[in-house]
Amino acid sequence: MFSRIQFKRAIFFRPIIANSNHIYNKGLRRPFSTSLKLQLANTTVNFSEQQPQHDTSQEPKTHFGFKSVPEGMKETLVGQVFENVATNYDVMNDAMSLGVHRLWKDHSVRTMAPGPGTKLLDVAGGTGDIAMGFLNYCKEIHGDTSAQVTLLDINPKMLEVGRQRFAKTPYHNTSQVTFEIGNAENLLSIPSNSYDVYTIAFGIRNCTHIDRVLREAFRVLKPGGRFMCLEFGKVRNPLISSIYNLYSFQVIPIIGQVIAADRDSYQYLVESIRQFPSQEQFAEMIKKAGFTIVGEGWEDLTFGIAALHSGFKL
């Protein structure tokens, strides 16, 4: 049996291996179930009906899982996914990752190491794991009750789950936490140069235009501020990659069906991970948005299943 310390070391151990292309077994691709195919078809029809003069065949395409859809559809489709999973989101995260996602998020907050009075914007904050960890860290490490977090999410149902969670904590009805509905690609209500830290955990891959998200993150941060993104990555080790793919495509959708009665949403979530850029590609996007990165600009967690990217507005 591992001790707790050994377990955490094992979780965050970063194997040093030669660079190689990510191994992906196309045979593991599973089609969406009939219900999601019908949902996509119905959404397409409704989209055309609402805008009869608009030819969606000419609209730029983006990915929704392994599907190619008009850019204007993706936000609606992703919104429906998170409407479906909101009430079971935390339970499913624990089940899918065997609780390891909590270690990733705890590591992210400790890497951030916020000081007293830090202002955090937690985008796609959902049920509040990062926001809660941030406030707890400031309180436990610094005895600080002046730190503030704005928990922002585009999905009202996810945000409501976060509100309910915070209602059971000492932070309820204090100035330390506020909730806001907003789109990461256009933070209309957020002034420029207003936050010390910007975090987005397991949310940016669901956005239609990642470059716009990064530009907005740069805009709202104060000079010297820090951008941090915790997201799924590419596994380099071929053996671990094949096991991970098998688990992702054959097991996770079944867990979604059993726990949340929703296989389709978790099929999409698994596929969306494979569509996200590699760690190197994402680091380049962060630099292109204006951020300064230190070293590689990211840290692989659990063999690259997740990665923590970081950049500074200098």
Protein backbone atom coordinates (compact mmCIF):
# COMPACT_ATOMS: atom_id res chain seq x y z
CA MET A 1 0.00 0.00 0.00
CA PHE A 2 1.24 3.50 -0.85
CA SER A 3 1.39 6.06 1.88
CA ARG A 4 -0.46 9.29 1.15
CA ILE A 5 2.83 11.02 0.29
CA GLN A 6 3.88 8.17 -2.04
CA PHE A 7 0.47 8.24 -3.68
CA LYS A 8 0.65 11.97 -4.39
CA ARG A 9 4.18 11.54 -5.76
CA ALA A 10 2.93 8.80 -8.02
CA ILE A 11 0.05 10.98 -9.19
CA PHE A 12 2.26 13.89 -10.13
CA PHE A 13 5.30 11.95 -11.33
CA ARG A 14 6.29 13.18 -14.76
CA PRO A 15 8.02 10.41 -16.74
CA ILE A 16 10.82 11.66 -18.94
CA ILE A 17 10.40 10.09 -22.35
CA ALA A 18 11.34 11.03 -25.90
CA ASN A 19 8.91 13.20 -27.80
CA SER A 20 6.59 11.15 -29.94
CA ASN A 21 3.29 11.63 -31.69
CA HIS A 22 0.27 10.96 -29.52
CA ILE A 23 -0.98 7.43 -30.12
CA TYR A 24 -4.67 7.33 -30.84
CA ASN A 25 -6.52 4.16 -31.66
CA LYS A 26 -9.16 5.10 -34.22
CA GLY A 27 -10.81 1.79 -33.57
CA LEU A 28 -11.91 3.11 -30.20
CA ARG A 29 -14.10 5.80 -31.75
CA ARG A 30 -17.70 5.15 -30.90
CA PRO A 31 -20.57 6.88 -32.69
CA PHE A 32 -23.02 9.02 -30.77
CA SER A 33 -26.13 7.17 -29.74
CA THR A 34 -29.34 7.58 -31.69
CA SER A 35 -30.76 10.15 -29.27
CA LEU A 36 -27.82 12.52 -29.67
CA LYS A 37 -27.87 12.09 -33.44
CA LEU A 38 -31.52 13.11 -33.37
CA GLN A 39 -30.70 16.05 -31.11
CA LEU A 40 -28.01 17.24 -33.54
CA ALA A 41 -30.38 16.82 -36.46
CA ASN A 42 -33.16 18.69 -34.68
CA THR A 43 -30.79 21.48 -33.69
CA THR A 44 -29.69 21.85 -37.29
CA VAL A 45 -33.29 22.06 -38.49
CA ASN A 46 -34.25 24.60 -35.84
CA PHE A 47 -31.17 26.66 -36.60
CA SER A 48 -32.19 26.84 -40.25
CA GLU A 49 -35.78 27.67 -39.42
CA GLN A 50 -34.79 30.54 -37.17
CA GLN A 51 -32.49 32.01 -39.82
CA PRO A 52 -34.01 31.08 -43.20
CA GLN A 53 -31.66 33.35 -45.16
CA HIS A 54 -28.54 31.90 -43.52
CA ASP A 55 -26.83 29.02 -45.29
CA THR A 56 -25.12 26.95 -42.59
CA SER A 57 -23.18 25.08 -45.25
CA GLN A 58 -21.13 28.27 -45.77
CA GLU A 59 -20.56 28.90 -42.06
CA PRO A 60 -17.12 28.01 -40.66
CA LYS A 61 -17.13 24.61 -39.02
CA THR A 62 -15.83 23.54 -35.64
CA HIS A 63 -15.85 20.30 -33.71
CA PHE A 64 -18.42 19.04 -31.26
CA GLY A 65 -16.71 15.89 -30.08
CA PHE A 66 -15.96 14.01 -33.29
CA LYS A 67 -18.80 15.77 -35.10
CA SER A 68 -18.22 18.74 -37.40
CA VAL A 69 -20.85 21.42 -36.82
CA PRO A 70 -21.34 25.09 -37.80
CA GLU A 71 -19.61 27.37 -35.29
CA GLY A 72 -22.93 28.98 -34.38
CA MET A 73 -24.28 25.66 -33.13
CA LYS A 74 -21.51 24.60 -30.78
CA GLU A 75 -22.34 26.88 -27.85
CA THR A 76 -25.94 25.62 -27.84
CA LEU A 77 -24.90 21.98 -28.04
CA VAL A 78 -22.28 22.32 -25.29
CA GLY A 79 -24.80 24.21 -23.18
CA GLN A 80 -27.20 21.30 -23.45
CA VAL A 81 -24.47 18.87 -22.37
CA PHE A 82 -23.82 20.83 -19.18
CA GLU A 83 -27.51 21.32 -18.52
CA ASN A 84 -27.73 17.53 -18.54
CA VAL A 85 -24.73 16.83 -16.31
CA ALA A 86 -24.87 19.73 -13.80
CA THR A 87 -26.55 17.93 -10.89
CA ASN A 88 -24.29 14.88 -11.20
CA TYR A 89 -21.14 16.72 -12.24
CA ASP A 90 -19.15 16.33 -9.02
CA VAL A 91 -20.21 12.72 -8.44
CA MET A 92 -19.27 11.81 -12.00
CA ASN A 93 -15.88 13.53 -11.72
CA ASP A 94 -15.11 11.45 -8.64
CA ALA A 95 -16.28 8.26 -10.33
CA MET A 96 -14.47 8.85 -13.64
CA SER A 97 -11.14 9.89 -12.12
CA LEU A 98 -11.31 7.82 -8.93
CA GLY A 99 -11.05 11.12 -7.09
CA VAL A 100 -7.76 12.12 -8.74
CA HIS A 101 -9.30 15.31 -10.17
CA ARG A 102 -9.36 16.65 -6.60
CA LEU A 103 -5.59 16.21 -6.35
CA TRP A 104 -5.11 18.01 -9.67
CA LYS A 105 -7.21 20.95 -8.50
CA ASP A 106 -5.52 21.08 -5.10
CA HIS A 107 -2.14 21.06 -6.85
CA SER A 108 -3.29 23.91 -9.09
CA VAL A 109 -4.24 26.10 -6.12
CA ARG A 110 -0.98 25.32 -4.33
CA THR A 111 0.97 26.13 -7.47
CA MET A 112 -0.92 29.42 -7.67
CA ALA A 113 0.05 30.10 -4.04
CA PRO A 114 -2.20 33.17 -3.72
CA GLY A 115 -1.23 35.81 -1.22
CA PRO A 116 -3.54 37.85 1.05
CA GLY A 117 -6.03 40.01 -0.80
CA THR A 118 -5.68 38.18 -4.13
CA LYS A 119 -8.53 38.74 -6.60
CA LEU A 120 -9.31 35.63 -8.64
CA LEU A 121 -11.52 35.27 -11.70
CA ASP A 122 -12.50 31.61 -11.99
CA VAL A 123 -13.95 31.17 -15.49
CA ALA A 124 -16.10 28.16 -16.33
CA GLY A 125 -16.04 27.79 -12.56
CA GLY A 126 -19.06 25.50 -12.52
CA THR A 127 -19.57 23.86 -9.17
CA GLY A 128 -16.78 25.83 -7.53
CA ASP A 129 -13.90 23.44 -6.85
CA ILE A 130 -11.15 25.92 -7.75
CA ALA A 131 -12.93 28.87 -6.13
CA MET A 132 -13.47 26.95 -2.91
CA GLY A 133 -9.90 25.68 -2.86
CA PHE A 134 -8.60 29.20 -3.42
CA LEU A 135 -10.55 30.70 -0.51
CA ASN A 136 -9.68 27.79 1.77
CA TYR A 137 -5.99 28.16 0.92
CA CYS A 138 -5.99 31.89 1.70
CA LYS A 139 -7.77 31.26 4.99
CA GLU A 140 -5.68 28.29 6.11
CA ILE A 141 -2.26 29.49 4.96
CA HIS A 142 -2.56 33.24 5.59
CA GLY A 143 -5.55 33.56 7.91
CA ASP A 144 -6.81 35.88 5.17
CA THR A 145 -10.46 36.77 4.71
CA SER A 146 -9.87 39.59 2.22
CA ALA A 147 -9.21 37.40 -0.82
CA GLN A 148 -12.02 37.52 -3.38
CA VAL A 149 -13.16 35.24 -6.18
CA THR A 150 -15.65 35.80 -8.97
CA LEU A 151 -17.05 32.47 -10.08
CA LEU A 152 -18.15 32.90 -13.69
CA ASP A 153 -19.89 30.36 -15.90
CA ILE A 154 -21.94 30.53 -19.09
CA ASN A 155 -24.32 27.83 -17.88
CA PRO A 156 -26.91 28.99 -15.30
CA LYS A 157 -27.56 25.45 -14.08
CA MET A 158 -23.89 24.78 -13.36
CA LEU A 159 -23.62 28.14 -11.63
CA GLU A 160 -26.66 27.35 -9.49
CA VAL A 161 -25.01 24.13 -8.30
CA GLY A 162 -22.02 26.25 -7.29
CA ARG A 163 -24.26 28.69 -5.41
CA GLN A 164 -25.90 25.86 -3.50
CA ARG A 165 -22.53 24.45 -2.56
CA PHE A 166 -21.21 27.78 -1.26
CA ALA A 167 -24.46 28.34 0.67
CA LYS A 168 -23.27 25.62 3.06
CA THR A 169 -19.95 27.33 3.79
CA PRO A 170 -18.78 30.32 5.88
CA TYR A 171 -18.25 32.22 2.60
CA HIS A 172 -22.00 32.44 1.99
CA ASN A 173 -23.30 36.01 1.86
CA THR A 174 -19.82 37.51 2.16
CA SER A 175 -17.92 39.75 -0.22
CA GLN A 176 -15.37 36.99 -0.76
CA VAL A 177 -17.36 35.19 -3.47
CA THR A 178 -19.63 36.45 -6.23
CA PHE A 179 -21.37 34.53 -9.00
CA GLU A 180 -21.75 35.75 -12.53
CA ILE A 181 -23.11 34.38 -15.79
CA GLY A 182 -20.71 35.15 -18.59
CA ASN A 183 -19.08 33.92 -21.77
CA ALA A 184 -15.34 33.26 -21.61
CA GLU A 185 -14.96 34.48 -25.19
CA ASN A 186 -16.40 37.91 -24.38
CA LEU A 187 -16.22 38.98 -20.75
CA LEU A 188 -18.43 42.02 -21.24
CA SER A 189 -18.92 42.79 -17.55
CA ILE A 190 -15.27 42.43 -16.54
CA PRO A 191 -13.11 45.58 -16.69
CA SER A 192 -9.62 45.41 -18.12
CA ASN A 193 -6.68 45.06 -15.71
CA SER A 194 -8.91 44.08 -12.80
CA TYR A 195 -7.83 40.61 -11.55
CA ASP A 196 -4.62 39.17 -10.10
CA VAL A 197 -5.24 35.61 -11.27
CA TYR A 198 -7.43 34.05 -13.96
CA THR A 199 -8.19 30.33 -13.76
CA ILE A 200 -10.12 28.01 -16.05
CA ALA A 201 -10.29 24.31 -15.18
CA PHE A 202 -11.60 21.71 -17.63
CA GLY A 203 -13.61 24.36 -19.45
CA ILE A 204 -11.58 25.90 -22.25
CA ARG A 205 -11.81 22.87 -24.54
CA ASN A 206 -15.59 23.38 -24.68
CA CYS A 207 -15.24 26.91 -26.04
CA THR A 208 -15.66 27.55 -29.77
CA HIS A 209 -12.78 30.03 -30.12
CA ILE A 210 -9.92 29.27 -27.73
CA ASP A 211 -7.91 32.21 -29.05
CA ARG A 212 -10.67 34.63 -28.03
CA VAL A 213 -10.77 33.14 -24.54
CA LEU A 214 -7.03 33.67 -24.16
CA ARG A 215 -7.19 37.26 -25.42
CA GLU A 216 -9.96 38.06 -22.94
CA ALA A 217 -7.95 36.44 -20.13
CA PHE A 218 -5.01 38.68 -21.00
CA ARG A 219 -7.22 41.78 -21.10
CA VAL A 220 -8.86 41.33 -17.69
CA LEU A 221 -5.65 40.51 -15.81
CA LYS A 222 -3.65 43.22 -14.09
CA PRO A 223 -0.05 43.76 -15.24
CA GLY A 224 1.89 41.00 -13.47
CA GLY A 225 -1.24 38.86 -13.29
CA ARG A 226 -1.24 35.14 -13.89
CA PHE A 227 -3.25 32.93 -16.25
CA MET A 228 -3.67 29.30 -15.18
CA CYS A 229 -5.45 26.59 -17.12
CA LEU A 230 -6.01 23.05 -15.88
CA GLU A 231 -7.12 20.88 -18.79
CA PHE A 232 -6.84 17.37 -20.14
CA GLY A 233 -3.69 16.73 -22.16
CA LYS A 234 -2.05 14.18 -24.43
CA VAL A 235 -0.53 11.06 -22.90
CA ARG A 236 2.92 10.37 -24.38
CA ASN A 237 3.60 6.85 -23.16
CA PRO A 238 2.09 4.46 -25.75
CA LEU A 239 1.15 1.77 -23.24
CA ILE A 240 -0.53 4.19 -20.82
CA SER A 241 -2.17 5.96 -23.76
CA SER A 242 -3.76 2.77 -25.04
CA ILE A 243 -5.07 1.88 -21.57
CA TYR A 244 -6.36 5.43 -21.11
CA ASN A 245 -8.14 5.36 -24.48
CA LEU A 246 -9.74 2.04 -23.68
CA TYR A 247 -10.97 3.31 -20.33
CA SER A 248 -12.17 6.62 -21.80
CA PHE A 249 -14.21 5.23 -24.68
CA GLN A 250 -15.38 1.93 -23.25
CA VAL A 251 -15.89 2.68 -19.55
CA ILE A 252 -16.62 6.38 -18.98
CA PRO A 253 -19.78 6.52 -21.15
CA ILE A 254 -21.10 3.46 -19.29
CA ILE A 255 -20.40 5.17 -15.94
CA GLY A 256 -22.32 8.17 -17.29
CA GLN A 257 -25.25 5.96 -18.17
CA VAL A 258 -25.28 4.19 -14.78
CA ILE A 259 -24.77 7.23 -12.51
CA ALA A 260 -26.28 10.06 -14.53
CA ALA A 261 -28.53 8.17 -16.97
CA ASP A 262 -26.71 10.10 -19.70
CA ARG A 263 -24.28 8.27 -21.95
CA ASP A 264 -24.33 10.83 -24.76
CA SER A 265 -23.00 13.77 -22.73
CA TYR A 266 -20.06 11.77 -21.43
CA GLN A 267 -19.35 10.39 -24.89
CA TYR A 268 -19.03 14.02 -26.01
CA LEU A 269 -16.81 14.94 -23.05
CA VAL A 270 -14.44 12.08 -23.83
CA GLU A 271 -14.30 13.01 -27.50
CA SER A 272 -13.74 16.70 -26.72
CA ILE A 273 -10.56 15.78 -24.84
CA ARG A 274 -9.12 14.20 -27.99
CA GLN A 275 -9.90 17.34 -29.99
CA PHE A 276 -8.02 19.70 -27.67
CA PRO A 277 -4.54 20.83 -28.77
CA SER A 278 -1.43 19.13 -27.42
CA GLN A 279 0.45 20.67 -24.51
CA GLU A 280 3.00 22.22 -26.88
CA GLN A 281 0.34 23.62 -29.21
CA PHE A 282 -1.65 25.12 -26.37
CA ALA A 283 1.47 26.71 -24.87
CA GLU A 284 2.08 28.39 -28.24
CA MET A 285 -1.49 29.71 -28.27
CA ILE A 286 -0.97 31.17 -24.79
CA LYS A 287 2.19 32.94 -25.93
CA LYS A 288 0.45 34.23 -29.06
CA ALA A 289 -2.21 35.84 -26.83
CA GLY A 290 0.54 37.94 -25.24
CA PHE A 291 1.46 35.93 -22.16
CA THR A 292 5.00 35.26 -21.03
CA ILE A 293 5.60 31.66 -20.07
CA VAL A 294 8.36 30.21 -17.93
CA GLY A 295 10.12 27.09 -19.16
CA GLU A 296 7.82 24.80 -21.12
CA GLY A 297 4.80 26.67 -19.84
CA TRP A 298 3.03 23.61 -18.51
CA GLU A 299 3.29 20.73 -16.07
CA ASP A 300 2.04 17.25 -16.93
CA LEU A 301 -0.06 15.58 -14.25
CA THR A 302 -0.63 11.83 -14.11
CA PHE A 303 1.47 11.08 -17.20
CA GLY A 304 -0.15 13.90 -19.18
CA ILE A 305 -3.76 12.87 -18.65
CA ALA A 306 -4.10 16.42 -17.35
CA ALA A 307 -1.79 19.40 -17.73
CA LEU A 308 -1.47 22.70 -15.87
CA HIS A 309 -0.55 25.59 -18.16
CA SER A 310 0.54 28.97 -16.84
CA GLY A 311 1.42 32.38 -18.27
CA PHE A 312 2.06 35.88 -16.95
CA LYS A 313 0.90 39.28 -18.21
CA LEU A 314 4.14 41.23 -18.15
